[in-house]
Amino acid sequence: HIPKTIDNDLLCNDHTPGYGSAARFVA
């Protein structure tokens, strides 16, 4: 499995690919 989610809610991760860019859009 290769992690991806803009919700940043995957366990075992400090953060998840997809979140940083979606968070940038929100900001």
mmCIF file of all heavy atoms, coordinates in Angstrom:
data_MODEL
# 
_entry.id   MODEL 
# 
loop_
_atom_site.group_PDB 
_atom_site.id 
_atom_site.type_symbol 
_atom_site.label_atom_id 
_atom_site.label_alt_id 
_atom_site.label_comp_id 
_atom_site.label_asym_id 
_atom_site.label_entity_id 
_atom_site.label_seq_id 
_atom_site.pdbx_PDB_ins_code 
_atom_site.Cartn_x 
_atom_site.Cartn_y 
_atom_site.Cartn_z 
_atom_site.occupancy 
_atom_site.B_iso_or_equiv 
_atom_site.pdbx_formal_charge 
_atom_site.auth_seq_id 
_atom_site.auth_comp_id 
_atom_site.auth_asym_id 
_atom_site.auth_atom_id 
_atom_site.pdbx_PDB_model_num 
ATOM 1   N N   . HIS A 1 1  ? 0.849   -1.186 0.000  1.00 0.00 ? 1  HIS A N   1 
ATOM 2   C CA  . HIS A 1 1  ? 0.000   0.000  0.000  1.00 0.00 ? 1  HIS A CA  1 
ATOM 3   C C   . HIS A 1 1  ? 0.884   1.235  0.000  1.00 0.00 ? 1  HIS A C   1 
ATOM 4   O O   . HIS A 1 1  ? 1.866   1.314  0.749  1.00 0.00 ? 1  HIS A O   1 
ATOM 5   C CB  . HIS A 1 1  ? -0.891  -0.008 1.252  1.00 0.00 ? 1  HIS A CB  1 
ATOM 6   C CG  . HIS A 1 1  ? -1.586  1.271  1.527  1.00 0.00 ? 1  HIS A CG  1 
ATOM 7   N ND1 . HIS A 1 1  ? -1.256  2.090  2.595  1.00 0.00 ? 1  HIS A ND1 1 
ATOM 8   C CD2 . HIS A 1 1  ? -2.602  1.894  0.877  1.00 0.00 ? 1  HIS A CD2 1 
ATOM 9   C CE1 . HIS A 1 1  ? -2.045  3.143  2.599  1.00 0.00 ? 1  HIS A CE1 1 
ATOM 10  N NE2 . HIS A 1 1  ? -2.869  3.050  1.571  1.00 0.00 ? 1  HIS A NE2 1 
ATOM 11  N N   . ILE A 1 2  ? 0.540   2.195  -0.864 1.00 0.00 ? 2  ILE A N   1 
ATOM 12  C CA  . ILE A 1 2  ? 1.252   3.474  -0.931 1.00 0.00 ? 2  ILE A CA  1 
ATOM 13  C C   . ILE A 1 2  ? 0.312   4.546  -0.390 1.00 0.00 ? 2  ILE A C   1 
ATOM 14  O O   . ILE A 1 2  ? -0.782  4.745  -0.918 1.00 0.00 ? 2  ILE A O   1 
ATOM 15  C CB  . ILE A 1 2  ? 1.679   3.787  -2.383 1.00 0.00 ? 2  ILE A CB  1 
ATOM 16  C CG1 . ILE A 1 2  ? 2.616   2.692  -2.898 1.00 0.00 ? 2  ILE A CG1 1 
ATOM 17  C CG2 . ILE A 1 2  ? 2.355   5.154  -2.457 1.00 0.00 ? 2  ILE A CG2 1 
ATOM 18  C CD1 . ILE A 1 2  ? 2.963   2.813  -4.381 1.00 0.00 ? 2  ILE A CD1 1 
ATOM 19  N N   . PRO A 1 3  ? 0.685   5.249  0.693  1.00 0.00 ? 3  PRO A N   1 
ATOM 20  C CA  . PRO A 1 3  ? -0.271  6.114  1.407  1.00 0.00 ? 3  PRO A CA  1 
ATOM 21  C C   . PRO A 1 3  ? -0.656  7.379  0.643  1.00 0.00 ? 3  PRO A C   1 
ATOM 22  O O   . PRO A 1 3  ? 0.170   8.002  -0.013 1.00 0.00 ? 3  PRO A O   1 
ATOM 23  C CB  . PRO A 1 3  ? 0.480   6.462  2.702  1.00 0.00 ? 3  PRO A CB  1 
ATOM 24  C CG  . PRO A 1 3  ? 1.923   6.371  2.319  1.00 0.00 ? 3  PRO A CG  1 
ATOM 25  C CD  . PRO A 1 3  ? 2.013   5.261  1.327  1.00 0.00 ? 3  PRO A CD  1 
ATOM 26  N N   . LYS A 1 4  ? -1.928  7.731  0.764  1.00 0.00 ? 4  LYS A N   1 
ATOM 27  C CA  . LYS A 1 4  ? -2.479  8.955  0.188  1.00 0.00 ? 4  LYS A CA  1 
ATOM 28  C C   . LYS A 1 4  ? -3.764  9.304  0.916  1.00 0.00 ? 4  LYS A C   1 
ATOM 29  O O   . LYS A 1 4  ? -4.632  8.461  1.070  1.00 0.00 ? 4  LYS A O   1 
ATOM 30  C CB  . LYS A 1 4  ? -2.768  8.751  -1.297 1.00 0.00 ? 4  LYS A CB  1 
ATOM 31  C CG  . LYS A 1 4  ? -3.450  9.903  -2.016 1.00 0.00 ? 4  LYS A CG  1 
ATOM 32  C CD  . LYS A 1 4  ? -4.961  10.029 -1.878 1.00 0.00 ? 4  LYS A CD  1 
ATOM 33  C CE  . LYS A 1 4  ? -5.742  8.777  -1.927 1.00 0.00 ? 4  LYS A CE  1 
ATOM 34  N NZ  . LYS A 1 4  ? -7.222  9.045  -1.615 1.00 0.00 ? 4  LYS A NZ  1 
ATOM 35  N N   . THR A 1 5  ? -3.892  10.515 1.410  1.00 0.00 ? 5  THR A N   1 
ATOM 36  C CA  . THR A 1 5  ? -5.180  11.028 1.867  1.00 0.00 ? 5  THR A CA  1 
ATOM 37  C C   . THR A 1 5  ? -5.040  12.490 2.247  1.00 0.00 ? 5  THR A C   1 
ATOM 38  O O   . THR A 1 5  ? -4.107  12.856 2.957  1.00 0.00 ? 5  THR A O   1 
ATOM 39  C CB  . THR A 1 5  ? -5.762  10.253 3.063  1.00 0.00 ? 5  THR A CB  1 
ATOM 40  O OG1 . THR A 1 5  ? -6.924  10.928 3.529  1.00 0.00 ? 5  THR A OG1 1 
ATOM 41  C CG2 . THR A 1 5  ? -4.783  10.115 4.202  1.00 0.00 ? 5  THR A CG2 1 
ATOM 42  N N   . ILE A 1 6  ? -5.946  13.320 1.766  1.00 0.00 ? 6  ILE A N   1 
ATOM 43  C CA  . ILE A 1 6  ? -5.894  14.733 2.138  1.00 0.00 ? 6  ILE A CA  1 
ATOM 44  C C   . ILE A 1 6  ? -6.368  14.930 3.566  1.00 0.00 ? 6  ILE A C   1 
ATOM 45  O O   . ILE A 1 6  ? -6.084  15.962 4.179  1.00 0.00 ? 6  ILE A O   1 
ATOM 46  C CB  . ILE A 1 6  ? -6.721  15.608 1.176  1.00 0.00 ? 6  ILE A CB  1 
ATOM 47  C CG1 . ILE A 1 6  ? -8.216  15.338 1.309  1.00 0.00 ? 6  ILE A CG1 1 
ATOM 48  C CG2 . ILE A 1 6  ? -6.263  15.422 -0.263 1.00 0.00 ? 6  ILE A CG2 1 
ATOM 49  C CD1 . ILE A 1 6  ? -9.082  16.339 0.566  1.00 0.00 ? 6  ILE A CD1 1 
ATOM 50  N N   . ASP A 1 7  ? -7.059  13.941 4.123  1.00 0.00 ? 7  ASP A N   1 
ATOM 51  C CA  . ASP A 1 7  ? -7.556  14.058 5.501  1.00 0.00 ? 7  ASP A CA  1 
ATOM 52  C C   . ASP A 1 7  ? -6.443  13.918 6.535  1.00 0.00 ? 7  ASP A C   1 
ATOM 53  O O   . ASP A 1 7  ? -6.636  14.269 7.698  1.00 0.00 ? 7  ASP A O   1 
ATOM 54  C CB  . ASP A 1 7  ? -8.621  13.005 5.778  1.00 0.00 ? 7  ASP A CB  1 
ATOM 55  C CG  . ASP A 1 7  ? -9.894  13.248 4.989  1.00 0.00 ? 7  ASP A CG  1 
ATOM 56  O OD1 . ASP A 1 7  ? -10.214 14.421 4.734  1.00 0.00 ? 7  ASP A OD1 1 
ATOM 57  O OD2 . ASP A 1 7  ? -10.562 12.270 4.614  1.00 0.00 ? 7  ASP A OD2 1 
ATOM 58  N N   . ASN A 1 8  ? -5.310  13.359 6.138  1.00 0.00 ? 8  ASN A N   1 
ATOM 59  C CA  . ASN A 1 8  ? -4.158  13.196 7.032  1.00 0.00 ? 8  ASN A CA  1 
ATOM 60  C C   . ASN A 1 8  ? -4.484  12.292 8.216  1.00 0.00 ? 8  ASN A C   1 
ATOM 61  O O   . ASN A 1 8  ? -3.985  12.492 9.328  1.00 0.00 ? 8  ASN A O   1 
ATOM 62  C CB  . ASN A 1 8  ? -3.685  14.564 7.545  1.00 0.00 ? 8  ASN A CB  1 
ATOM 63  C CG  . ASN A 1 8  ? -2.256  14.520 8.070  1.00 0.00 ? 8  ASN A CG  1 
ATOM 64  O OD1 . ASN A 1 8  ? -1.414  13.796 7.554  1.00 0.00 ? 8  ASN A OD1 1 
ATOM 65  N ND2 . ASN A 1 8  ? -1.986  15.306 9.093  1.00 0.00 ? 8  ASN A ND2 1 
ATOM 66  N N   . ASP A 1 9  ? -5.309  11.277 7.988  1.00 0.00 ? 9  ASP A N   1 
ATOM 67  C CA  . ASP A 1 9  ? -5.799  10.474 9.114  1.00 0.00 ? 9  ASP A CA  1 
ATOM 68  C C   . ASP A 1 9  ? -5.286  9.030  9.119  1.00 0.00 ? 9  ASP A C   1 
ATOM 69  O O   . ASP A 1 9  ? -5.846  8.180  9.817  1.00 0.00 ? 9  ASP A O   1 
ATOM 70  C CB  . ASP A 1 9  ? -7.330  10.473 9.135  1.00 0.00 ? 9  ASP A CB  1 
ATOM 71  C CG  . ASP A 1 9  ? -7.946  9.916  7.853  1.00 0.00 ? 9  ASP A CG  1 
ATOM 72  O OD1 . ASP A 1 9  ? -7.198  9.579  6.919  1.00 0.00 ? 9  ASP A OD1 1 
ATOM 73  O OD2 . ASP A 1 9  ? -9.187  9.823  7.788  1.00 0.00 ? 9  ASP A OD2 1 
ATOM 74  N N   . LEU A 1 10 ? -4.219  8.732  8.368  1.00 0.00 ? 10 LEU A N   1 
ATOM 75  C CA  . LEU A 1 10 ? -3.671  7.379  8.390  1.00 0.00 ? 10 LEU A CA  1 
ATOM 76  C C   . LEU A 1 10 ? -2.847  7.147  9.646  1.00 0.00 ? 10 LEU A C   1 
ATOM 77  O O   . LEU A 1 10 ? -2.005  7.970  10.013 1.00 0.00 ? 10 LEU A O   1 
ATOM 78  C CB  . LEU A 1 10 ? -2.784  7.130  7.164  1.00 0.00 ? 10 LEU A CB  1 
ATOM 79  C CG  . LEU A 1 10 ? -3.480  6.885  5.825  1.00 0.00 ? 10 LEU A CG  1 
ATOM 80  C CD1 . LEU A 1 10 ? -2.443  6.524  4.768  1.00 0.00 ? 10 LEU A CD1 1 
ATOM 81  C CD2 . LEU A 1 10 ? -4.524  5.797  5.921  1.00 0.00 ? 10 LEU A CD2 1 
ATOM 82  N N   . LEU A 1 11 ? -3.078  6.034  10.291 1.00 0.00 ? 11 LEU A N   1 
ATOM 83  C CA  . LEU A 1 11 ? -2.273  5.654  11.447 1.00 0.00 ? 11 LEU A CA  1 
ATOM 84  C C   . LEU A 1 11 ? -0.836  5.367  11.019 1.00 0.00 ? 11 LEU A C   1 
ATOM 85  O O   . LEU A 1 11 ? -0.560  5.118  9.848  1.00 0.00 ? 11 LEU A O   1 
ATOM 86  C CB  . LEU A 1 11 ? -2.883  4.426  12.114 1.00 0.00 ? 11 LEU A CB  1 
ATOM 87  C CG  . LEU A 1 11 ? -4.261  4.617  12.755 1.00 0.00 ? 11 LEU A CG  1 
ATOM 88  C CD1 . LEU A 1 11 ? -4.843  3.274  13.180 1.00 0.00 ? 11 LEU A CD1 1 
ATOM 89  C CD2 . LEU A 1 11 ? -4.177  5.560  13.947 1.00 0.00 ? 11 LEU A CD2 1 
ATOM 90  N N   . CYS A 1 12 ? 0.071   5.380  11.983 1.00 0.00 ? 12 CYS A N   1 
ATOM 91  C CA  . CYS A 1 12 ? 1.489   5.040  11.788 1.00 0.00 ? 12 CYS A CA  1 
ATOM 92  C C   . CYS A 1 12 ? 2.263   6.096  10.998 1.00 0.00 ? 12 CYS A C   1 
ATOM 93  O O   . CYS A 1 12 ? 3.424   5.882  10.661 1.00 0.00 ? 12 CYS A O   1 
ATOM 94  C CB  . CYS A 1 12 ? 1.670   3.688  11.086 1.00 0.00 ? 12 CYS A CB  1 
ATOM 95  S SG  . CYS A 1 12 ? 0.894   2.305  11.918 1.00 0.00 ? 12 CYS A SG  1 
ATOM 96  N N   . ASN A 1 13 ? 1.626   7.232  10.692 1.00 0.00 ? 13 ASN A N   1 
ATOM 97  C CA  . ASN A 1 13 ? 2.287   8.278  9.919  1.00 0.00 ? 13 ASN A CA  1 
ATOM 98  C C   . ASN A 1 13 ? 2.257   9.610  10.665 1.00 0.00 ? 13 ASN A C   1 
ATOM 99  O O   . ASN A 1 13 ? 1.255   9.952  11.291 1.00 0.00 ? 13 ASN A O   1 
ATOM 100 C CB  . ASN A 1 13 ? 1.585   8.471  8.573  1.00 0.00 ? 13 ASN A CB  1 
ATOM 101 C CG  . ASN A 1 13 ? 1.852   7.348  7.603  1.00 0.00 ? 13 ASN A CG  1 
ATOM 102 O OD1 . ASN A 1 13 ? 2.822   7.384  6.850  1.00 0.00 ? 13 ASN A OD1 1 
ATOM 103 N ND2 . ASN A 1 13 ? 0.999   6.326  7.615  1.00 0.00 ? 13 ASN A ND2 1 
ATOM 104 N N   . ASP A 1 14 ? 3.362   10.368 10.545 1.00 0.00 ? 14 ASP A N   1 
ATOM 105 C CA  . ASP A 1 14 ? 3.346   11.743 11.048 1.00 0.00 ? 14 ASP A CA  1 
ATOM 106 C C   . ASP A 1 14 ? 2.388   12.577 10.204 1.00 0.00 ? 14 ASP A C   1 
ATOM 107 O O   . ASP A 1 14 ? 1.642   13.409 10.719 1.00 0.00 ? 14 ASP A O   1 
ATOM 108 C CB  . ASP A 1 14 ? 4.753   12.341 10.989 1.00 0.00 ? 14 ASP A CB  1 
ATOM 109 C CG  . ASP A 1 14 ? 4.777   13.804 11.397 1.00 0.00 ? 14 ASP A CG  1 
ATOM 110 O OD1 . ASP A 1 14 ? 4.741   14.068 12.608 1.00 0.00 ? 14 ASP A OD1 1 
ATOM 111 O OD2 . ASP A 1 14 ? 4.806   14.666 10.489 1.00 0.00 ? 14 ASP A OD2 1 
ATOM 112 N N   . HIS A 1 15 ? 2.398   12.346 8.904  1.00 0.00 ? 15 HIS A N   1 
ATOM 113 C CA  . HIS A 1 15 ? 1.477   12.992 7.971  1.00 0.00 ? 15 HIS A CA  1 
ATOM 114 C C   . HIS A 1 15 ? 1.444   12.157 6.700  1.00 0.00 ? 15 HIS A C   1 
ATOM 115 O O   . HIS A 1 15 ? 2.262   11.259 6.509  1.00 0.00 ? 15 HIS A O   1 
ATOM 116 C CB  . HIS A 1 15 ? 1.901   14.433 7.672  1.00 0.00 ? 15 HIS A CB  1 
ATOM 117 C CG  . HIS A 1 15 ? 3.296   14.553 7.127  1.00 0.00 ? 15 HIS A CG  1 
ATOM 118 N ND1 . HIS A 1 15 ? 4.413   14.540 7.933  1.00 0.00 ? 15 HIS A ND1 1 
ATOM 119 C CD2 . HIS A 1 15 ? 3.762   14.652 5.858  1.00 0.00 ? 15 HIS A CD2 1 
ATOM 120 C CE1 . HIS A 1 15 ? 5.511   14.646 7.190  1.00 0.00 ? 15 HIS A CE1 1 
ATOM 121 N NE2 . HIS A 1 15 ? 5.131   14.714 5.922  1.00 0.00 ? 15 HIS A NE2 1 
ATOM 122 N N   . THR A 1 16 ? 0.499   12.454 5.838  1.00 0.00 ? 16 THR A N   1 
ATOM 123 C CA  . THR A 1 16 ? 0.258   11.607 4.679  1.00 0.00 ? 16 THR A CA  1 
ATOM 124 C C   . THR A 1 16 ? 0.331   12.421 3.393  1.00 0.00 ? 16 THR A C   1 
ATOM 125 O O   . THR A 1 16 ? -0.215  13.527 3.335  1.00 0.00 ? 16 THR A O   1 
ATOM 126 C CB  . THR A 1 16 ? -1.139  10.965 4.776  1.00 0.00 ? 16 THR A CB  1 
ATOM 127 O OG1 . THR A 1 16 ? -1.287  10.376 6.066  1.00 0.00 ? 16 THR A OG1 1 
ATOM 128 C CG2 . THR A 1 16 ? -1.322  9.894  3.715  1.00 0.00 ? 16 THR A CG2 1 
ATOM 129 N N   . PRO A 1 17 ? 0.980   11.899 2.345  1.00 0.00 ? 17 PRO A N   1 
ATOM 130 C CA  . PRO A 1 17 ? 0.985   12.615 1.059  1.00 0.00 ? 17 PRO A CA  1 
ATOM 131 C C   . PRO A 1 17 ? -0.425  12.959 0.596  1.00 0.00 ? 17 PRO A C   1 
ATOM 132 O O   . PRO A 1 17 ? -1.339  12.140 0.672  1.00 0.00 ? 17 PRO A O   1 
ATOM 133 C CB  . PRO A 1 17 ? 1.648   11.605 0.115  1.00 0.00 ? 17 PRO A CB  1 
ATOM 134 C CG  . PRO A 1 17 ? 2.568   10.821 0.996  1.00 0.00 ? 17 PRO A CG  1 
ATOM 135 C CD  . PRO A 1 17 ? 1.812   10.677 2.296  1.00 0.00 ? 17 PRO A CD  1 
ATOM 136 N N   . GLY A 1 18 ? -0.580  14.172 0.116  1.00 0.00 ? 18 GLY A N   1 
ATOM 137 C CA  . GLY A 1 18 ? -1.889  14.689 -0.266 1.00 0.00 ? 18 GLY A CA  1 
ATOM 138 C C   . GLY A 1 18 ? -2.367  15.744 0.705  1.00 0.00 ? 18 GLY A C   1 
ATOM 139 O O   . GLY A 1 18 ? -3.020  16.719 0.305  1.00 0.00 ? 18 GLY A O   1 
ATOM 140 N N   . TYR A 1 19 ? -2.021  15.572 1.980  1.00 0.00 ? 19 TYR A N   1 
ATOM 141 C CA  . TYR A 1 19 ? -2.481  16.526 2.987  1.00 0.00 ? 19 TYR A CA  1 
ATOM 142 C C   . TYR A 1 19 ? -1.832  17.896 2.815  1.00 0.00 ? 19 TYR A C   1 
ATOM 143 O O   . TYR A 1 19 ? -2.517  18.929 2.836  1.00 0.00 ? 19 TYR A O   1 
ATOM 144 C CB  . TYR A 1 19 ? -2.193  16.005 4.391  1.00 0.00 ? 19 TYR A CB  1 
ATOM 145 C CG  . TYR A 1 19 ? -2.411  17.055 5.459  1.00 0.00 ? 19 TYR A CG  1 
ATOM 146 C CD1 . TYR A 1 19 ? -3.687  17.531 5.727  1.00 0.00 ? 19 TYR A CD1 1 
ATOM 147 C CD2 . TYR A 1 19 ? -1.335  17.594 6.178  1.00 0.00 ? 19 TYR A CD2 1 
ATOM 148 C CE1 . TYR A 1 19 ? -3.896  18.512 6.692  1.00 0.00 ? 19 TYR A CE1 1 
ATOM 149 C CE2 . TYR A 1 19 ? -1.536  18.572 7.142  1.00 0.00 ? 19 TYR A CE2 1 
ATOM 150 C CZ  . TYR A 1 19 ? -2.812  19.030 7.390  1.00 0.00 ? 19 TYR A CZ  1 
ATOM 151 O OH  . TYR A 1 19 ? -3.015  20.009 8.328  1.00 0.00 ? 19 TYR A OH  1 
ATOM 152 N N   . GLY A 1 20 ? -0.521  17.941 2.645  1.00 0.00 ? 20 GLY A N   1 
ATOM 153 C CA  . GLY A 1 20 ? 0.184   19.221 2.579  1.00 0.00 ? 20 GLY A CA  1 
ATOM 154 C C   . GLY A 1 20 ? -0.337  20.125 1.485  1.00 0.00 ? 20 GLY A C   1 
ATOM 155 O O   . GLY A 1 20 ? -0.463  21.348 1.676  1.00 0.00 ? 20 GLY A O   1 
ATOM 156 N N   . SER A 1 21 ? -0.669  19.558 0.330  1.00 0.00 ? 21 SER A N   1 
ATOM 157 C CA  . SER A 1 21 ? -1.153  20.359 -0.792 1.00 0.00 ? 21 SER A CA  1 
ATOM 158 C C   . SER A 1 21 ? -2.587  20.816 -0.568 1.00 0.00 ? 21 SER A C   1 
ATOM 159 O O   . SER A 1 21 ? -2.938  21.968 -0.859 1.00 0.00 ? 21 SER A O   1 
ATOM 160 C CB  . SER A 1 21 ? -1.049  19.550 -2.089 1.00 0.00 ? 21 SER A CB  1 
ATOM 161 O OG  . SER A 1 21 ? 0.300   19.243 -2.373 1.00 0.00 ? 21 SER A OG  1 
ATOM 162 N N   . ALA A 1 22 ? -3.445  19.930 -0.060 1.00 0.00 ? 22 ALA A N   1 
ATOM 163 C CA  . ALA A 1 22 ? -4.821  20.324 0.237  1.00 0.00 ? 22 ALA A CA  1 
ATOM 164 C C   . ALA A 1 22 ? -4.836  21.376 1.349  1.00 0.00 ? 22 ALA A C   1 
ATOM 165 O O   . ALA A 1 22 ? -5.635  22.333 1.308  1.00 0.00 ? 22 ALA A O   1 
ATOM 166 C CB  . ALA A 1 22 ? -5.643  19.105 0.643  1.00 0.00 ? 22 ALA A CB  1 
ATOM 167 N N   . ALA A 1 23 ? -3.953  21.213 2.340  1.00 0.00 ? 23 ALA A N   1 
ATOM 168 C CA  . ALA A 1 23 ? -3.862  22.192 3.426  1.00 0.00 ? 23 ALA A CA  1 
ATOM 169 C C   . ALA A 1 23 ? -3.388  23.542 2.898  1.00 0.00 ? 23 ALA A C   1 
ATOM 170 O O   . ALA A 1 23 ? -3.837  24.598 3.367  1.00 0.00 ? 23 ALA A O   1 
ATOM 171 C CB  . ALA A 1 23 ? -2.916  21.681 4.508  1.00 0.00 ? 23 ALA A CB  1 
ATOM 172 N N   . ARG A 1 24 ? -2.495  23.512 1.926  1.00 0.00 ? 24 ARG A N   1 
ATOM 173 C CA  . ARG A 1 24 ? -2.024  24.751 1.302  1.00 0.00 ? 24 ARG A CA  1 
ATOM 174 C C   . ARG A 1 24 ? -3.178  25.458 0.590  1.00 0.00 ? 24 ARG A C   1 
ATOM 175 O O   . ARG A 1 24 ? -3.326  26.683 0.669  1.00 0.00 ? 24 ARG A O   1 
ATOM 176 C CB  . ARG A 1 24 ? -0.895  24.445 0.331  1.00 0.00 ? 24 ARG A CB  1 
ATOM 177 C CG  . ARG A 1 24 ? -0.296  25.665 -0.355 1.00 0.00 ? 24 ARG A CG  1 
ATOM 178 C CD  . ARG A 1 24 ? 0.893   25.257 -1.219 1.00 0.00 ? 24 ARG A CD  1 
ATOM 179 N NE  . ARG A 1 24 ? 1.328   26.360 -2.068 1.00 0.00 ? 24 ARG A NE  1 
ATOM 180 C CZ  . ARG A 1 24 ? 2.105   27.353 -1.668 1.00 0.00 ? 24 ARG A CZ  1 
ATOM 181 N NH1 . ARG A 1 24 ? 2.547   27.364 -0.417 1.00 0.00 ? 24 ARG A NH1 1 
ATOM 182 N NH2 . ARG A 1 24 ? 2.449   28.316 -2.492 1.00 0.00 ? 24 ARG A NH2 1 
ATOM 183 N N   . PHE A 1 25 ? -4.007  24.679 -0.110 1.00 0.00 ? 25 PHE A N   1 
ATOM 184 C CA  . PHE A 1 25 ? -5.181  25.266 -0.761 1.00 0.00 ? 25 PHE A CA  1 
ATOM 185 C C   . PHE A 1 25 ? -6.102  25.905 0.276  1.00 0.00 ? 25 PHE A C   1 
ATOM 186 O O   . PHE A 1 25 ? -6.577  27.035 0.094  1.00 0.00 ? 25 PHE A O   1 
ATOM 187 C CB  . PHE A 1 25 ? -5.964  24.206 -1.544 1.00 0.00 ? 25 PHE A CB  1 
ATOM 188 C CG  . PHE A 1 25 ? -7.308  24.682 -2.009 1.00 0.00 ? 25 PHE A CG  1 
ATOM 189 C CD1 . PHE A 1 25 ? -7.428  25.384 -3.186 1.00 0.00 ? 25 PHE A CD1 1 
ATOM 190 C CD2 . PHE A 1 25 ? -8.441  24.474 -1.232 1.00 0.00 ? 25 PHE A CD2 1 
ATOM 191 C CE1 . PHE A 1 25 ? -8.666  25.859 -3.606 1.00 0.00 ? 25 PHE A CE1 1 
ATOM 192 C CE2 . PHE A 1 25 ? -9.678  24.942 -1.632 1.00 0.00 ? 25 PHE A CE2 1 
ATOM 193 C CZ  . PHE A 1 25 ? -9.792  25.638 -2.827 1.00 0.00 ? 25 PHE A CZ  1 
ATOM 194 N N   . VAL A 1 26 ? -6.376  25.186 1.365  1.00 0.00 ? 26 VAL A N   1 
ATOM 195 C CA  . VAL A 1 26 ? -7.268  25.705 2.405  1.00 0.00 ? 26 VAL A CA  1 
ATOM 196 C C   . VAL A 1 26 ? -6.727  27.013 2.972  1.00 0.00 ? 26 VAL A C   1 
ATOM 197 O O   . VAL A 1 26 ? -7.465  28.000 3.129  1.00 0.00 ? 26 VAL A O   1 
ATOM 198 C CB  . VAL A 1 26 ? -7.463  24.661 3.523  1.00 0.00 ? 26 VAL A CB  1 
ATOM 199 C CG1 . VAL A 1 26 ? -8.108  25.288 4.748  1.00 0.00 ? 26 VAL A CG1 1 
ATOM 200 C CG2 . VAL A 1 26 ? -8.305  23.498 3.016  1.00 0.00 ? 26 VAL A CG2 1 
ATOM 201 N N   . ALA A 1 27 ? -5.425  27.042 3.281  1.00 0.00 ? 27 ALA A N   1 
ATOM 202 C CA  . ALA A 1 27 ? -4.831  28.248 3.860  1.00 0.00 ? 27 ALA A CA  1 
ATOM 203 C C   . ALA A 1 27 ? -4.936  29.429 2.900  1.00 0.00 ? 27 ALA A C   1 
ATOM 204 O O   . ALA A 1 27 ? -5.277  30.549 3.314  1.00 0.00 ? 27 ALA A O   1 
ATOM 205 C CB  . ALA A 1 27 ? -3.369  27.984 4.225  1.00 0.00 ? 27 ALA A CB  1 
# 
